[in-house]
Each structure stands twice: as C-alpha cells, then as structure tokens.
Amino acid sequence: MYNIYRERKGEKDYSACRYQNGRKRRVFTMRLVPEMKEKADAGDVDAMFYVGFSYLHLEHDRKTGYQYLTKAADAGNKDAIVEISLCSYPEAKSMFKLDEWVRTPAENGDGFFCCLLGSLYRRGELVDCSYEEAEKWYRKAISLGDKDGKYEIRSLYRYFDGVASSIQEAVELDRAAADKGD
C-alpha cells in the first residue's frame, strides 16, 4: 500500500515521501519539536503520529515511538496503523491490534482497511500468508470504490503464483484503470 522513502536532511531533519500506487502522495520534513510533543500529550491525534514517527525514526527510541503510534492508532489514525503494520520490529508486531484496528473496520465496509488487510494477507504479516484471502479483501475494497484495491489486485495477479485469476485478468484491469485515468 505505502512505500516510504526517507532521507536525512541534517542533524535532526527527516524528509519522507509516501508513495501510493506509484504516485507521490505526501512529502513532509519531520523534526522532533517540543510543541508537537505538547500537542500529542494534550491529545492531538495527528501530533501523536508525528511524534511517534519522529521518535521511531529520528531519535531511534522504539519504545516511546510505539507508545505514541499506538495511542494514535487507538484513536483511528490510519497513518499510525500503517506505520506499525510496516515495522518489522517484534515489539511492533506484538502490540498490533489486528481485529480492532483493521479487521473490524474492514468488515464494516471501510475500503482502506479492506485493502490493508489484503496486503497483510499477501505479505503474511500478522496473519498466515494467503493469496486467496488477499484477493477476497482486495475485491471487497474494489467493490467499495477503493482505487488502491484495484492496484493491489492487479499486482497480485501479475506477480504471485497460486492465485486463481490470471495475467489476462490483470491486463484487463490495467486497461480499465488506464481508461479511467487510475
């Protein structure tokens, strides 16, 4: 879903670009600033993500970073949920609340979380790897109008063996997406 490119810009600056479906979605420069920490401690969910990300990647303090990211995820911040799901550290995996943060919203019809759940199944992260389950959740995301689901299912069909659908279906989905400008 998200590929993150990070680059050090100085002693404490950190530039990050989030790419989604091969397109740059957001570019931001981060620095752990006291004002953001104060906002996070006062309950600002976006600040919690910012501070958690900063601690995790700038200060290299995983414990504090995950505390802030978990608070943000508990408050529904999608970036925090994705960030924790992408982390390979064991403590991130142990604190990830799959059912609460991802499965329940996906089952309740949130296309973003359907797509994220499909990606977790495809990668075998936090759940057993299952291309069939990934396909099921991507299809549900598509039915809910999620463009990322279309991209991910095309990728699944194109690059992973064992999926019932074919390269031909991937090509048809690519053409349909190109026609719509996706």
Protein backbone atom coordinates (compact mmCIF):
# COMPACT_ATOMS: atom_id res chain seq x y z
CA MET A 1 0.00 0.00 0.00
CA TYR A 2 2.58 2.53 1.04
CA ASN A 3 6.22 2.68 0.13
CA ILE A 4 8.10 5.15 2.24
CA TYR A 5 11.26 6.87 1.09
CA ARG A 6 13.22 8.53 3.84
CA GLU A 7 16.23 10.80 3.65
CA ARG A 8 18.25 12.54 6.35
CA LYS A 9 18.31 16.31 5.79
CA GLY A 10 20.58 17.36 8.61
CA GLU A 11 21.17 16.58 12.24
CA LYS A 12 17.51 16.31 13.20
CA ASP A 13 15.55 16.90 9.97
CA TYR A 14 13.98 14.00 8.22
CA SER A 15 12.26 14.10 4.87
CA ALA A 16 9.75 11.43 3.98
CA CYS A 17 7.74 10.81 0.85
CA ARG A 18 4.85 8.43 0.85
CA TYR A 19 4.15 6.76 -2.46
CA GLN A 20 0.86 5.08 -3.11
CA ASN A 21 0.21 3.27 -6.38
CA GLY A 22 3.47 4.62 -7.72
CA ARG A 23 2.37 8.24 -7.21
CA LYS A 24 3.79 10.63 -4.65
CA ARG A 25 1.04 11.34 -2.13
CA ARG A 26 2.71 13.33 0.58
CA VAL A 27 6.09 14.84 1.29
CA PHE A 28 6.94 16.10 4.72
CA THR A 29 10.01 17.08 6.68
CA MET A 30 9.98 15.99 10.27
CA ARG A 31 11.84 17.19 13.30
CA LEU A 32 11.01 16.29 16.86
CA VAL A 33 9.85 19.63 18.16
CA PRO A 34 8.66 20.32 21.72
CA GLU A 35 5.45 21.99 20.50
CA MET A 36 4.35 18.82 18.71
CA LYS A 37 5.10 16.72 21.77
CA GLU A 38 2.97 19.08 23.86
CA LYS A 39 0.11 18.78 21.35
CA ALA A 40 0.44 14.99 21.32
CA ASP A 41 0.41 14.86 25.11
CA ALA A 42 -2.71 17.06 25.05
CA GLY A 43 -4.49 14.53 22.81
CA ASP A 44 -3.92 15.77 19.23
CA VAL A 45 -4.04 12.55 17.19
CA ASP A 46 -2.05 13.86 14.21
CA ALA A 47 0.63 15.13 16.59
CA MET A 48 0.73 11.67 18.22
CA PHE A 49 1.54 10.15 14.84
CA TYR A 50 4.14 12.83 14.09
CA VAL A 51 5.86 12.43 17.47
CA GLY A 52 5.71 8.62 17.34
CA PHE A 53 7.19 8.59 13.84
CA SER A 54 9.88 11.06 14.95
CA TYR A 55 10.86 9.02 18.00
CA LEU A 56 10.91 5.83 15.97
CA HIS A 57 12.96 7.12 13.03
CA LEU A 58 14.85 10.17 14.31
CA GLU A 59 15.53 9.52 17.93
CA HIS A 60 15.74 5.74 17.50
CA ASP A 61 13.66 5.29 20.63
CA ARG A 62 11.33 2.47 19.64
CA LYS A 63 9.56 2.16 22.98
CA THR A 64 8.49 5.81 23.09
CA GLY A 65 7.76 5.84 19.35
CA TYR A 66 5.45 2.86 19.60
CA GLN A 67 3.70 4.33 22.64
CA TYR A 68 2.73 7.43 20.64
CA LEU A 69 1.92 5.47 17.48
CA THR A 70 -0.27 3.07 19.46
CA LYS A 71 -2.19 5.98 21.02
CA ALA A 72 -2.70 7.47 17.56
CA ALA A 73 -3.80 4.10 16.14
CA ASP A 74 -6.23 3.59 19.04
CA ALA A 75 -7.72 6.97 18.10
CA GLY A 76 -8.15 5.81 14.49
CA ASN A 77 -5.15 7.44 12.78
CA LYS A 78 -4.67 5.43 9.58
CA ASP A 79 -1.06 6.53 9.08
CA ALA A 80 -0.16 5.21 12.54
CA ILE A 81 -1.83 1.87 11.83
CA VAL A 82 0.02 1.54 8.52
CA GLU A 83 3.33 2.58 10.10
CA ILE A 84 3.03 -0.05 12.84
CA SER A 85 1.99 -2.71 10.31
CA LEU A 86 5.07 -1.95 8.18
CA CYS A 87 7.55 -2.14 11.07
CA SER A 88 9.50 -5.35 11.32
CA TYR A 89 10.44 -4.97 14.98
CA PRO A 90 9.00 -7.71 17.21
CA GLU A 91 7.57 -5.21 19.68
CA ALA A 92 5.53 -3.61 16.87
CA LYS A 93 4.07 -6.96 15.87
CA SER A 94 3.18 -7.85 19.45
CA MET A 95 1.25 -4.61 20.02
CA PHE A 96 -0.60 -4.57 16.70
CA LYS A 97 -4.34 -4.90 17.31
CA LEU A 98 -5.35 -6.60 14.08
CA ASP A 99 -9.00 -7.17 14.92
CA GLU A 100 -9.63 -3.77 16.50
CA TRP A 101 -7.60 -1.61 14.11
CA VAL A 102 -8.03 -3.42 10.78
CA ARG A 103 -10.41 -6.39 10.61
CA THR A 104 -13.45 -4.74 12.26
CA PRO A 105 -13.31 -1.56 10.11
CA ALA A 106 -12.76 -3.76 7.02
CA GLU A 107 -15.76 -5.93 7.87
CA ASN A 108 -17.79 -2.76 8.45
CA GLY A 109 -17.10 -1.57 4.91
CA ASP A 110 -14.04 0.70 5.06
CA GLY A 111 -12.24 0.20 1.73
CA PHE A 112 -8.91 1.47 3.07
CA PHE A 113 -8.84 -1.23 5.76
CA CYS A 114 -10.04 -3.91 3.31
CA CYS A 115 -7.03 -3.09 1.17
CA LEU A 116 -4.67 -3.02 4.16
CA LEU A 117 -5.98 -6.40 5.36
CA GLY A 118 -5.46 -7.81 1.86
CA SER A 119 -1.88 -6.54 1.92
CA LEU A 120 -1.26 -8.15 5.30
CA TYR A 121 -2.51 -11.49 3.96
CA ARG A 122 -0.42 -11.13 0.80
CA ARG A 123 2.75 -10.43 2.78
CA GLY A 124 1.98 -12.91 5.56
CA GLU A 125 2.31 -10.15 8.14
CA LEU A 126 0.43 -10.71 11.41
CA VAL A 127 -1.66 -13.40 9.66
CA ASP A 128 -0.80 -16.53 7.74
CA CYS A 129 0.07 -15.78 4.12
CA SER A 130 -2.94 -16.44 1.90
CA TYR A 131 -3.26 -15.09 -1.62
CA GLU A 132 -6.89 -16.21 -1.71
CA GLU A 133 -7.70 -14.14 1.39
CA ALA A 134 -5.72 -11.21 -0.04
CA GLU A 135 -7.76 -11.45 -3.26
CA LYS A 136 -11.02 -11.59 -1.26
CA TRP A 137 -10.18 -8.40 0.67
CA TYR A 138 -8.90 -6.57 -2.42
CA ARG A 139 -12.14 -7.44 -4.22
CA LYS A 140 -14.14 -6.10 -1.30
CA ALA A 141 -12.06 -2.88 -1.35
CA ILE A 142 -12.74 -2.54 -5.08
CA SER A 143 -16.48 -3.05 -4.52
CA LEU A 144 -16.31 -0.17 -2.03
CA GLY A 145 -14.65 2.06 -4.63
CA ASP A 146 -11.09 1.91 -3.29
CA LYS A 147 -8.57 2.65 -6.08
CA ASP A 148 -5.73 1.11 -4.09
CA GLY A 149 -7.58 -2.19 -4.11
CA LYS A 150 -7.55 -2.14 -7.91
CA TYR A 151 -3.82 -1.51 -7.98
CA GLU A 152 -3.08 -4.19 -5.39
CA ILE A 153 -5.19 -6.88 -7.05
CA ARG A 154 -3.51 -6.18 -10.40
CA SER A 155 -0.17 -6.59 -8.66
CA LEU A 156 -1.34 -9.80 -7.02
CA TYR A 157 -2.47 -11.28 -10.33
CA ARG A 158 0.65 -10.18 -12.13
CA TYR A 159 3.36 -11.25 -9.67
CA PHE A 160 2.10 -14.05 -7.43
CA ASP A 161 1.68 -17.66 -8.42
CA GLY A 162 -1.12 -19.70 -6.97
CA VAL A 163 -3.80 -17.07 -7.43
CA ALA A 164 -6.78 -18.47 -9.27
CA SER A 165 -7.07 -15.45 -11.55
CA SER A 166 -4.74 -14.91 -14.45
CA ILE A 167 -2.35 -12.50 -16.10
CA GLN A 168 -5.13 -11.88 -18.64
CA GLU A 169 -7.38 -10.52 -15.90
CA ALA A 170 -4.51 -8.31 -14.67
CA VAL A 171 -4.10 -6.93 -18.19
CA GLU A 172 -7.85 -6.25 -18.43
CA LEU A 173 -7.77 -4.46 -15.06
CA ASP A 174 -4.75 -2.43 -16.22
CA ARG A 175 -6.60 -1.36 -19.37
CA ALA A 176 -9.72 -0.43 -17.42
CA ALA A 177 -7.62 1.60 -14.97
CA ALA A 178 -5.81 3.36 -17.81
CA ASP A 179 -9.13 4.22 -19.45
CA LYS A 180 -10.32 5.79 -16.19
CA GLY A 181 -7.00 7.53 -15.51
CA ASP A 182 -6.25 5.45 -12.40
